[in-house]
Amino acid sequence: MDTPFEPQSRGTASAGETAPTIAQHLARFMATLTRDRIPGRVTALARHLILDAIGVAFASGRFDFAHRTLAAMRGLSEGGEAAVIGFPDRLPFRDAAIVNGVLIHGLDFDDTHLGAVLHPTTSLVPVILALGAKQKISGADALTAYIGGVEAVARLGAVARGGFHQVGFHPTGLIGAFACALTAGKLIGLNEAQLATAQGITLSMASGTLEFLEDGAWNKRLHPGWAAMSGMTAAALAQQGFVGARNVYEGRFGLYASHLQARFERDDLTLATADLGERWELMNVAVKPFPACHFTHAFADAAIALRDTARLDPSAVREIRALVPAEVVTTVCEPAASKRRPANAYDAQFSIPYVVASALRHGRFGLADLTDQAIADPGTLALAERVTYEIDPQSGFPRYFSGELVATTHDGRVLRHREAQNRGCSDRPLSDADILAKFHENCRGTVAEADSDRHAERILSLDKAADMRRFADALGARR
């Protein structure tokens, strides 16, 4: 195996030299990344993360948001060559990336890098499917580009230390765009200088706010696909010599200063390239066991444990207190009234009161709990009204999305359960068998059982695929 990546001039630049920027460090890493530099365990998990993402995309095909997105993109073009996961349609490559991003992220069932507090795979897979197919590159090269993108996005997200959420930005779309530019650039053969420029161009494209939390709007579903489209566009512009900003991340109006403002700690910029090529952040990506915001997962498992282990009868509950990390309150606890009575599935997925009430009543939390009928269930809503929150003094955030429930019954009993490490995190990962089972469950109702098996086998052998065009086309349904 080659020696790990070592950023040049990591320290103070010599006289007359300009210190390399973060964008240049990331560009060099991506330009020099080869398959033999990546440990086998990283490649193996990467295949399973892609399997998980594509399974969620198949499940999304049953929902209205998927069909409306596809119809919109269909209306903008006269067709194309790029495949859409689970559909027979062919679209222009960037439009297909937008739709595939919506499909992977639309159910909020896709993976999460906990330290970066974002979803890495949901924007990167659309890029490798679209540009990998366009360039007809090998599956091994596509997988390498994907892994490089995960390493970049995890570090760029970590710089904010969860701060983007606090000021109303969604880092999956915001930070994801830069990783997509690097991955896209790798796929189309950009050199180191062009890869740095692509990030500078992306600075004017990256976007995504959390305003959807106020009314359950669909905007968040669009963010990863838009990041993919932005990154692909930036890479194409860089290839043609378009000039982008140099100080993408460090500058006076760079990414962090402009978006984090008072929360920006310049010392944290070192996290953007820390141990690049030595420590593989992909191993810290968590696969979701529940189709809801990852901040709710510890509480869903705690509710199930209170029901199944402590034998807590939902009808006996007077109050449930959720001990919540301070950093996630604005996302999953406030405004309290709408969190206790979600207006739609998206509201429900970002509501600790609803997730706790539903999991406690049914002993599970899945896609069936996000239907209009389930969300309007009087028993669940009545129980959600009795769920309050307070700040958790022992929170493990952001390393873990921990949580604790304290239930008080009408007869005065107090029952509690704590999930110190959320299920699916790097220290408590879902097994390969768990991820495969989730894939097949997500395919059910959309993909025939035999086809589900073939898809799984094909995806888990991605690095053996000779041509990404054939790989991507096989994911499009022939109806």
Protein backbone atom coordinates (compact mmCIF):
# COMPACT_ATOMS: atom_id res chain seq x y z
CA MET A 1 0.00 0.00 0.00
CA ASP A 2 1.22 3.52 -0.78
CA THR A 3 2.14 5.85 2.04
CA PRO A 4 -0.73 7.97 3.39
CA PHE A 5 -1.41 11.40 1.95
CA GLU A 6 0.78 14.10 3.49
CA PRO A 7 -0.34 17.68 2.85
CA GLN A 8 2.50 19.74 1.48
CA SER A 9 3.63 22.74 3.52
CA ARG A 10 1.26 21.94 6.37
CA GLY A 11 3.14 24.38 8.56
CA THR A 12 4.31 27.92 7.88
CA ALA A 13 5.12 28.67 4.25
CA SER A 14 8.72 29.44 3.34
CA ALA A 15 9.72 33.00 2.52
CA GLY A 16 8.21 34.05 -0.77
CA GLU A 17 5.74 31.15 -0.80
CA THR A 18 2.03 31.24 -0.19
CA ALA A 19 0.71 28.65 2.24
CA PRO A 20 -1.52 26.08 0.53
CA THR A 21 -5.21 26.63 1.11
CA ILE A 22 -7.61 24.01 2.42
CA ALA A 23 -9.01 23.70 -1.11
CA GLN A 24 -5.51 22.93 -2.39
CA HIS A 25 -4.94 20.32 0.32
CA LEU A 26 -8.23 18.61 -0.53
CA ALA A 27 -7.50 18.87 -4.25
CA ARG A 28 -4.14 17.17 -3.85
CA PHE A 29 -5.66 14.42 -1.76
CA MET A 30 -8.35 13.74 -4.36
CA ALA A 31 -6.00 14.00 -7.33
CA THR A 32 -3.57 11.47 -5.86
CA LEU A 33 -6.10 9.10 -4.29
CA THR A 34 -5.93 5.63 -5.77
CA ARG A 35 -7.70 2.42 -4.92
CA ASP A 36 -4.60 0.81 -3.40
CA ARG A 37 -4.31 3.61 -0.83
CA ILE A 38 -7.70 2.74 0.64
CA PRO A 39 -7.91 -0.01 3.30
CA GLY A 40 -10.13 -2.96 2.46
CA ARG A 41 -12.43 -2.34 5.43
CA VAL A 42 -13.15 1.16 4.11
CA THR A 43 -13.99 -0.13 0.66
CA ALA A 44 -16.24 -2.83 2.13
CA LEU A 45 -18.23 -0.34 4.20
CA ALA A 46 -18.42 2.06 1.24
CA ARG A 47 -20.16 -0.62 -0.82
CA HIS A 48 -22.69 -1.17 1.96
CA LEU A 49 -23.32 2.56 2.33
CA ILE A 50 -24.08 2.77 -1.38
CA LEU A 51 -26.34 -0.28 -1.06
CA ASP A 52 -28.22 1.43 1.75
CA ALA A 53 -28.64 4.65 -0.24
CA ILE A 54 -29.97 2.91 -3.33
CA GLY A 55 -32.40 0.86 -1.24
CA VAL A 56 -33.84 4.06 0.23
CA ALA A 57 -34.14 5.47 -3.30
CA PHE A 58 -36.21 2.45 -4.35
CA ALA A 59 -38.50 2.96 -1.35
CA SER A 60 -38.94 6.66 -2.21
CA GLY A 61 -40.34 5.71 -5.59
CA ARG A 62 -43.66 4.92 -3.88
CA PHE A 63 -44.12 8.48 -2.64
CA ASP A 64 -45.67 11.57 -4.19
CA PHE A 65 -42.58 13.77 -3.77
CA ALA A 66 -40.59 11.43 -6.02
CA HIS A 67 -43.11 11.57 -8.86
CA ARG A 68 -43.48 15.33 -8.66
CA THR A 69 -39.71 15.83 -8.75
CA LEU A 70 -39.35 13.52 -11.73
CA ALA A 71 -42.21 15.26 -13.53
CA ALA A 72 -40.55 18.64 -12.99
CA MET A 73 -37.21 17.48 -14.40
CA ARG A 74 -38.99 15.72 -17.26
CA GLY A 75 -40.64 19.00 -18.12
CA LEU A 76 -37.30 20.77 -18.49
CA SER A 77 -35.86 18.52 -21.15
CA GLU A 78 -36.62 16.32 -24.14
CA GLY A 79 -35.02 13.31 -22.53
CA GLY A 80 -31.44 12.23 -21.93
CA GLU A 81 -29.10 9.32 -21.29
CA ALA A 82 -28.84 9.16 -17.49
CA ALA A 83 -30.74 6.61 -15.41
CA VAL A 84 -33.11 7.40 -12.54
CA ILE A 85 -33.13 4.85 -9.72
CA GLY A 86 -36.27 2.71 -9.90
CA PHE A 87 -37.79 4.48 -12.92
CA PRO A 88 -37.60 3.84 -16.67
CA ASP A 89 -37.00 7.52 -17.46
CA ARG A 90 -33.77 8.83 -18.91
CA LEU A 91 -32.79 12.42 -18.18
CA PRO A 92 -29.85 14.76 -18.80
CA PHE A 93 -27.07 13.86 -16.42
CA ARG A 94 -27.45 16.82 -14.07
CA ASP A 95 -31.23 16.45 -13.93
CA ALA A 96 -30.88 12.75 -13.12
CA ALA A 97 -28.49 13.65 -10.30
CA ILE A 98 -31.09 16.02 -8.84
CA VAL A 99 -33.83 13.37 -8.94
CA ASN A 100 -31.59 10.63 -7.54
CA GLY A 101 -30.57 12.93 -4.70
CA VAL A 102 -34.22 13.52 -3.85
CA LEU A 103 -34.91 9.78 -3.96
CA ILE A 104 -32.03 8.92 -1.63
CA HIS A 105 -32.73 11.71 0.86
CA GLY A 106 -36.49 12.09 0.54
CA LEU A 107 -37.41 9.70 3.35
CA ASP A 108 -34.67 10.88 5.72
CA PHE A 109 -33.57 7.27 5.95
CA ASP A 110 -30.05 7.78 4.54
CA ASP A 111 -26.73 7.61 6.35
CA THR A 112 -25.17 10.30 8.56
CA HIS A 113 -21.65 11.30 9.54
CA LEU A 114 -22.22 12.21 13.17
CA GLY A 115 -19.20 14.46 13.70
CA ALA A 116 -19.96 16.50 10.58
CA VAL A 117 -23.72 16.33 11.31
CA LEU A 118 -24.60 15.71 7.67
CA HIS A 119 -25.62 13.01 5.19
CA PRO A 120 -22.60 12.22 2.98
CA THR A 121 -23.78 9.49 0.61
CA THR A 122 -27.00 11.10 -0.54
CA SER A 123 -25.28 13.69 -2.76
CA LEU A 124 -22.21 11.68 -3.76
CA VAL A 125 -23.99 8.62 -5.15
CA PRO A 126 -25.97 10.73 -7.67
CA VAL A 127 -22.63 12.13 -8.88
CA ILE A 128 -20.93 8.77 -9.38
CA LEU A 129 -24.04 7.39 -11.10
CA ALA A 130 -24.37 10.35 -13.48
CA LEU A 131 -20.77 11.18 -14.32
CA GLY A 132 -19.57 7.62 -13.89
CA ALA A 133 -22.07 6.62 -16.56
CA LYS A 134 -21.28 9.59 -18.78
CA GLN A 135 -17.55 8.85 -18.66
CA LYS A 136 -18.10 5.05 -18.74
CA ILE A 137 -15.54 4.61 -16.00
CA SER A 138 -15.02 1.47 -13.95
CA GLY A 139 -16.87 0.73 -10.75
CA ALA A 140 -13.55 0.70 -8.88
CA ASP A 141 -12.75 4.25 -10.02
CA ALA A 142 -16.27 5.41 -9.12
CA LEU A 143 -15.93 3.87 -5.66
CA THR A 144 -12.57 5.60 -5.16
CA ALA A 145 -14.08 8.97 -6.10
CA TYR A 146 -17.00 8.36 -3.74
CA ILE A 147 -14.70 7.50 -0.83
CA GLY A 148 -12.60 10.60 -1.47
CA GLY A 149 -15.77 12.69 -1.41
CA VAL A 150 -16.83 11.23 1.94
CA GLU A 151 -13.42 12.01 3.44
CA ALA A 152 -13.67 15.62 2.26
CA VAL A 153 -17.26 16.27 3.33
CA ALA A 154 -16.75 14.73 6.77
CA ARG A 155 -13.82 17.02 7.53
CA LEU A 156 -15.37 20.15 6.06
CA GLY A 157 -18.50 19.52 8.11
CA ALA A 158 -16.53 18.88 11.30
CA VAL A 159 -15.06 22.40 11.18
CA ALA A 160 -18.49 23.85 12.07
CA ARG A 161 -18.87 21.60 15.16
CA GLY A 162 -22.63 21.48 14.58
CA GLY A 163 -22.82 25.25 14.17
CA PHE A 164 -24.53 25.30 10.78
CA HIS A 165 -27.74 23.95 12.27
CA GLN A 166 -27.68 26.62 14.96
CA VAL A 167 -27.76 29.42 12.39
CA GLY A 168 -30.27 27.79 10.07
CA PHE A 169 -28.18 26.09 7.39
CA HIS A 170 -28.45 22.47 6.30
CA PRO A 171 -24.86 21.21 5.93
CA THR A 172 -25.84 18.22 3.79
CA GLY A 173 -26.59 20.58 0.92
CA LEU A 174 -24.17 23.32 1.88
CA ILE A 175 -21.03 21.27 2.52
CA GLY A 176 -22.09 18.44 0.24
CA ALA A 177 -21.69 20.65 -2.81
CA PHE A 178 -17.93 21.01 -2.24
CA ALA A 179 -17.44 17.26 -1.86
CA CYS A 180 -19.50 16.73 -5.00
CA ALA A 181 -17.22 19.12 -6.90
CA LEU A 182 -14.20 17.09 -5.81
CA THR A 183 -15.84 13.78 -6.67
CA ALA A 184 -17.10 15.06 -10.01
CA GLY A 185 -13.68 16.47 -10.78
CA LYS A 186 -12.05 13.15 -9.99
CA LEU A 187 -14.45 11.37 -12.33
CA ILE A 188 -13.80 13.70 -15.26
CA GLY A 189 -10.04 13.74 -14.74
CA LEU A 190 -9.35 17.21 -13.34
CA ASN A 191 -5.83 17.91 -12.18
CA GLU A 192 -4.94 19.27 -8.75
CA ALA A 193 -5.21 22.94 -9.74
CA GLN A 194 -8.56 22.39 -11.44
CA LEU A 195 -9.92 20.51 -8.42
CA ALA A 196 -9.02 23.47 -6.21
CA THR A 197 -10.69 25.85 -8.65
CA ALA A 198 -13.84 23.73 -8.75
CA GLN A 199 -14.24 24.23 -5.00
CA GLY A 200 -13.85 27.99 -5.47
CA ILE A 201 -16.61 28.02 -8.06
CA THR A 202 -18.84 25.95 -5.79
CA LEU A 203 -18.65 28.67 -3.14
CA SER A 204 -21.27 30.61 -5.12
CA MET A 205 -23.50 27.56 -5.59
CA ALA A 206 -23.65 25.78 -2.22
CA SER A 207 -26.94 26.29 -0.40
CA GLY A 208 -29.63 24.88 1.86
CA THR A 209 -31.53 26.36 4.80
CA LEU A 210 -33.57 24.81 7.59
CA GLU A 211 -36.69 26.93 7.06
CA PHE A 212 -38.51 23.75 6.02
CA LEU A 213 -38.67 22.90 9.72
CA GLU A 214 -41.23 25.65 10.23
CA ASP A 215 -43.90 24.15 8.00
CA GLY A 216 -42.79 20.70 6.84
CA ALA A 217 -41.92 21.94 3.35
CA TRP A 218 -40.10 19.67 0.90
CA ASN A 219 -37.03 21.89 0.42
CA LYS A 220 -34.69 19.63 2.39
CA ARG A 221 -35.35 16.76 0.02
CA LEU A 222 -33.88 18.84 -2.78
CA HIS A 223 -30.64 19.83 -1.05
CA PRO A 224 -28.45 16.75 -1.83
CA GLY A 225 -29.43 16.59 -5.50
CA TRP A 226 -28.82 20.31 -5.83
CA ALA A 227 -25.40 19.80 -4.23
CA ALA A 228 -24.66 17.08 -6.78
CA MET A 229 -25.75 19.29 -9.67
CA SER A 230 -23.72 22.22 -8.32
CA GLY A 231 -20.59 20.13 -7.89
CA MET A 232 -20.88 18.66 -11.37
CA THR A 233 -21.37 22.11 -12.87
CA ALA A 234 -18.43 23.58 -10.96
CA ALA A 235 -16.14 20.74 -12.07
CA ALA A 236 -17.14 21.23 -15.71
CA LEU A 237 -16.47 24.96 -15.48
CA ALA A 238 -13.08 24.38 -13.87
CA GLN A 239 -12.18 21.96 -16.64
CA GLN A 240 -12.71 24.76 -19.15
CA GLY A 241 -10.57 27.27 -17.27
CA PHE A 242 -13.29 29.20 -15.44
CA VAL A 243 -11.67 30.97 -12.48
CA GLY A 244 -13.02 30.37 -8.97
CA ALA A 245 -12.27 31.97 -5.61
CA ARG A 246 -8.99 30.89 -3.99
CA ASN A 247 -9.68 31.21 -0.27
CA VAL A 248 -12.84 29.13 -0.42
CA TYR A 249 -12.93 28.20 3.24
CA GLU A 250 -10.53 30.61 4.96
CA GLY A 251 -11.46 33.88 3.27
CA ARG A 252 -13.09 36.97 4.73
CA PHE A 253 -16.28 36.01 2.89
CA GLY A 254 -15.40 32.33 2.58
CA LEU A 255 -17.70 29.48 3.53
CA TYR A 256 -17.26 29.51 7.30
CA ALA A 257 -16.98 33.24 7.96
CA SER A 258 -20.01 34.03 5.82
CA HIS A 259 -22.25 31.23 7.13
CA LEU A 260 -21.15 30.80 10.75
CA GLN A 261 -20.17 34.43 11.41
CA ALA A 262 -19.82 34.83 15.21
CA ARG A 263 -19.75 31.05 15.64
CA PHE A 264 -16.72 30.71 13.35
CA GLU A 265 -13.58 29.64 15.23
CA ARG A 266 -10.59 30.02 12.90
CA ASP A 267 -8.61 27.45 14.86
CA ASP A 268 -11.16 24.81 13.84
CA LEU A 269 -10.03 25.09 10.21
CA THR A 270 -7.34 22.54 11.00
CA LEU A 271 -10.10 19.93 11.18
CA ALA A 272 -10.67 20.30 7.43
CA THR A 273 -7.50 18.38 6.58
CA ALA A 274 -6.66 16.60 9.85
CA ASP A 275 -5.10 13.16 9.24
CA LEU A 276 -6.30 13.19 5.65
CA GLY A 277 -5.51 9.81 4.10
CA GLU A 278 -4.50 8.36 7.44
CA ARG A 279 -7.73 8.34 9.43
CA TRP A 280 -10.71 7.23 7.34
CA GLU A 281 -13.79 9.19 8.33
CA LEU A 282 -15.97 6.96 6.19
CA MET A 283 -15.73 4.44 9.03
CA ASN A 284 -17.63 6.94 11.20
CA VAL A 285 -20.65 7.10 8.90
CA ALA A 286 -23.78 5.78 10.63
CA VAL A 287 -26.52 3.84 8.85
CA LYS A 288 -30.00 4.73 10.05
CA PRO A 289 -32.22 2.10 11.66
CA PHE A 290 -35.22 4.49 11.56
CA PRO A 291 -36.65 6.72 8.78
CA ALA A 292 -36.40 9.96 10.75
CA CYS A 293 -33.92 12.66 11.66
CA HIS A 294 -30.91 11.00 13.26
CA PHE A 295 -31.35 13.25 16.31
CA THR A 296 -34.50 11.26 17.18
CA HIS A 297 -33.05 7.75 16.98
CA ALA A 298 -31.82 7.32 20.54
CA PHE A 299 -35.28 8.35 21.72
CA ALA A 300 -37.05 5.86 19.45
CA ASP A 301 -34.86 3.04 20.80
CA ALA A 302 -35.38 4.27 24.38
CA ALA A 303 -39.15 4.26 23.90
CA ILE A 304 -39.07 0.74 22.47
CA ALA A 305 -36.92 -0.41 25.39
CA LEU A 306 -39.34 1.11 27.93
CA ARG A 307 -42.21 -0.72 26.24
CA ASP A 308 -40.52 -4.08 25.72
CA THR A 309 -38.12 -4.32 28.67
CA ALA A 310 -39.74 -2.19 31.35
CA ARG A 311 -43.25 -3.21 30.20
CA LEU A 312 -44.42 0.40 30.15
CA ASP A 313 -48.06 0.64 29.10
CA PRO A 314 -48.58 3.84 27.04
CA SER A 315 -51.96 4.38 28.71
CA ALA A 316 -50.23 4.52 32.12
CA VAL A 317 -47.99 7.45 31.16
CA ARG A 318 -48.54 10.80 32.86
CA GLU A 319 -45.43 12.46 31.42
CA ILE A 320 -42.29 11.58 29.49
CA ARG A 321 -39.25 13.84 29.77
CA ALA A 322 -36.72 13.59 26.95
CA LEU A 323 -33.15 14.55 27.87
CA VAL A 324 -31.95 16.15 24.64
CA PRO A 325 -28.56 17.47 23.47
CA ALA A 326 -28.73 21.28 23.53
CA GLU A 327 -27.51 21.48 19.94
CA VAL A 328 -30.52 19.62 18.49
CA VAL A 329 -33.39 21.31 20.36
CA THR A 330 -34.22 23.76 17.58
CA THR A 331 -34.39 20.92 15.07
CA VAL A 332 -36.46 18.26 16.84
CA CYS A 333 -38.12 19.92 19.85
CA GLU A 334 -39.17 23.42 18.81
CA PRO A 335 -41.64 24.91 18.21
CA ALA A 336 -43.21 22.60 20.76
CA ALA A 337 -46.79 22.88 19.54
CA SER A 338 -46.04 21.74 15.98
CA LYS A 339 -43.67 19.02 17.18
CA ARG A 340 -46.47 17.51 19.29
CA ARG A 341 -48.99 17.71 16.45
CA PRO A 342 -47.04 17.25 13.20
CA ALA A 343 -48.86 18.42 10.09
CA ASN A 344 -47.19 15.96 7.72
CA ALA A 345 -44.56 13.25 7.45
CA TYR A 346 -41.65 15.67 7.40
CA ASP A 347 -42.86 17.33 10.58
CA ALA A 348 -43.16 13.89 12.16
CA GLN A 349 -39.64 12.84 11.15
CA PHE A 350 -38.23 15.86 12.94
CA SER A 351 -40.30 15.52 16.10
CA ILE A 352 -39.07 13.80 19.26
CA PRO A 353 -42.58 13.89 20.79
CA TYR A 354 -44.13 12.14 17.78
CA VAL A 355 -41.32 9.60 17.32
CA VAL A 356 -41.36 8.73 21.04
CA ALA A 357 -45.14 8.42 21.17
CA SER A 358 -45.33 6.28 18.04
CA ALA A 359 -42.45 4.00 19.06
CA LEU A 360 -43.86 3.54 22.56
CA ARG A 361 -47.33 2.67 21.26
CA HIS A 362 -46.23 0.30 18.48
CA GLY A 363 -42.85 -1.02 19.55
CA ARG A 364 -41.27 0.15 16.29
CA PHE A 365 -40.81 3.17 14.05
CA GLY A 366 -40.87 2.71 10.29
CA LEU A 367 -42.25 4.07 7.06
CA ALA A 368 -45.72 2.86 8.06
CA ASP A 369 -45.64 5.36 10.92
CA LEU A 370 -45.29 8.26 8.48
CA THR A 371 -48.54 7.83 6.58
CA ASP A 372 -51.24 10.48 6.88
CA GLN A 373 -53.37 8.05 8.85
CA ALA A 374 -50.60 7.26 11.34
CA ILE A 375 -49.70 10.92 11.86
CA ALA A 376 -53.33 11.80 12.60
CA ASP A 377 -53.87 8.90 15.02
CA PRO A 378 -55.59 10.34 18.15
CA GLY A 379 -53.84 7.96 20.54
CA THR A 380 -50.39 8.82 19.27
CA LEU A 381 -51.10 12.56 19.32
CA ALA A 382 -52.49 12.38 22.87
CA LEU A 383 -49.31 10.64 24.03
CA ALA A 384 -47.11 13.12 22.14
CA GLU A 385 -48.78 15.94 24.10
CA ARG A 386 -47.31 14.41 27.25
CA VAL A 387 -43.72 14.42 25.96
CA THR A 388 -41.58 17.33 27.21
CA TYR A 389 -37.86 17.96 26.97
CA GLU A 390 -34.93 19.33 28.93
CA ILE A 391 -31.25 19.72 28.13
CA ASP A 392 -29.16 16.59 28.66
CA PRO A 393 -26.14 17.41 30.86
CA GLN A 394 -24.45 14.14 29.82
CA SER A 395 -24.91 14.53 26.08
CA GLY A 396 -22.34 12.86 23.84
CA PHE A 397 -23.11 15.18 20.92
CA PRO A 398 -21.75 15.33 18.25
CA ARG A 399 -19.71 12.12 18.65
CA TYR A 400 -22.94 10.36 19.57
CA PHE A 401 -26.54 11.46 19.16
CA SER A 402 -27.37 10.24 22.66
CA GLY A 403 -30.69 10.54 24.45
CA GLU A 404 -32.65 9.49 27.53
CA LEU A 405 -36.33 9.15 28.38
CA VAL A 406 -37.75 9.48 31.89
CA ALA A 407 -41.34 8.28 32.11
CA THR A 408 -43.62 9.03 35.06
CA THR A 409 -46.80 6.96 35.35
CA HIS A 410 -50.15 8.00 36.79
CA ASP A 411 -49.45 5.94 39.91
CA GLY A 412 -46.12 7.71 40.51
CA ARG A 413 -43.64 5.17 39.18
CA VAL A 414 -40.57 6.57 37.39
CA LEU A 415 -38.99 4.54 34.60
CA ARG A 416 -35.98 5.62 32.58
CA HIS A 417 -33.85 4.38 29.75
CA ARG A 418 -30.73 5.94 28.26
CA GLU A 419 -29.12 5.34 24.89
CA ALA A 420 -25.60 6.71 25.39
CA GLN A 421 -24.61 5.73 21.87
CA ASN A 422 -27.20 5.84 19.12
CA ARG A 423 -27.62 2.55 17.29
CA GLY A 424 -25.85 2.68 13.93
CA CYS A 425 -22.96 4.92 15.05
CA SER A 426 -19.35 3.82 14.47
CA ASP A 427 -19.04 2.37 17.99
CA ARG A 428 -22.38 0.59 17.71
CA PRO A 429 -22.73 -0.06 13.99
CA LEU A 430 -25.40 -1.94 12.14
CA SER A 431 -23.95 -5.19 10.78
CA ASP A 432 -23.57 -5.92 7.08
CA ALA A 433 -26.51 -8.31 7.48
CA ASP A 434 -28.60 -5.53 9.07
CA ILE A 435 -27.83 -3.19 6.16
CA LEU A 436 -28.69 -5.87 3.62
CA ALA A 437 -31.96 -6.64 5.42
CA LYS A 438 -32.83 -2.92 5.42
CA PHE A 439 -32.12 -2.79 1.67
CA HIS A 440 -34.49 -5.67 0.95
CA GLU A 441 -37.16 -4.19 3.21
CA ASN A 442 -36.91 -0.87 1.37
CA CYS A 443 -37.18 -2.62 -1.97
CA ARG A 444 -40.33 -4.48 -0.93
CA GLY A 445 -43.38 -3.16 -2.76
CA THR A 446 -41.27 -1.52 -5.46
CA VAL A 447 -38.84 -4.17 -6.68
CA ALA A 448 -39.53 -7.87 -7.25
CA GLU A 449 -37.75 -10.14 -4.77
CA ALA A 450 -35.54 -11.69 -7.43
CA ASP A 451 -34.61 -8.26 -8.76
CA SER A 452 -33.86 -7.07 -5.23
CA ASP A 453 -31.36 -9.92 -4.85
CA ARG A 454 -29.75 -9.09 -8.19
CA HIS A 455 -29.48 -5.41 -7.33
CA ALA A 456 -27.86 -6.20 -3.98
CA GLU A 457 -25.34 -8.55 -5.58
CA ARG A 458 -24.51 -5.99 -8.26
CA ILE A 459 -24.08 -3.10 -5.80
CA LEU A 460 -21.95 -5.10 -3.38
CA SER A 461 -19.70 -5.98 -6.33
CA LEU A 462 -19.49 -2.38 -7.54
CA ASP A 463 -15.69 -2.34 -7.59
CA LYS A 464 -15.78 -5.19 -10.11
CA ALA A 465 -18.09 -3.36 -12.53
CA ALA A 466 -16.36 -2.69 -15.84
CA ASP A 467 -18.61 0.19 -16.92
CA MET A 468 -20.69 2.52 -14.76
CA ARG A 469 -23.08 3.15 -17.65
CA ARG A 470 -24.28 -0.44 -17.51
CA PHE A 471 -24.33 -0.37 -13.70
CA ALA A 472 -26.48 2.77 -13.56
CA ASP A 473 -28.81 1.63 -16.34
CA ALA A 474 -29.54 -1.57 -14.40
CA LEU A 475 -30.92 0.50 -11.53
CA GLY A 476 -33.55 2.07 -13.78
CA ALA A 477 -36.79 0.08 -13.89
CA ARG A 478 -37.99 -1.30 -17.20
CA ARG A 479 -41.77 -1.07 -16.93
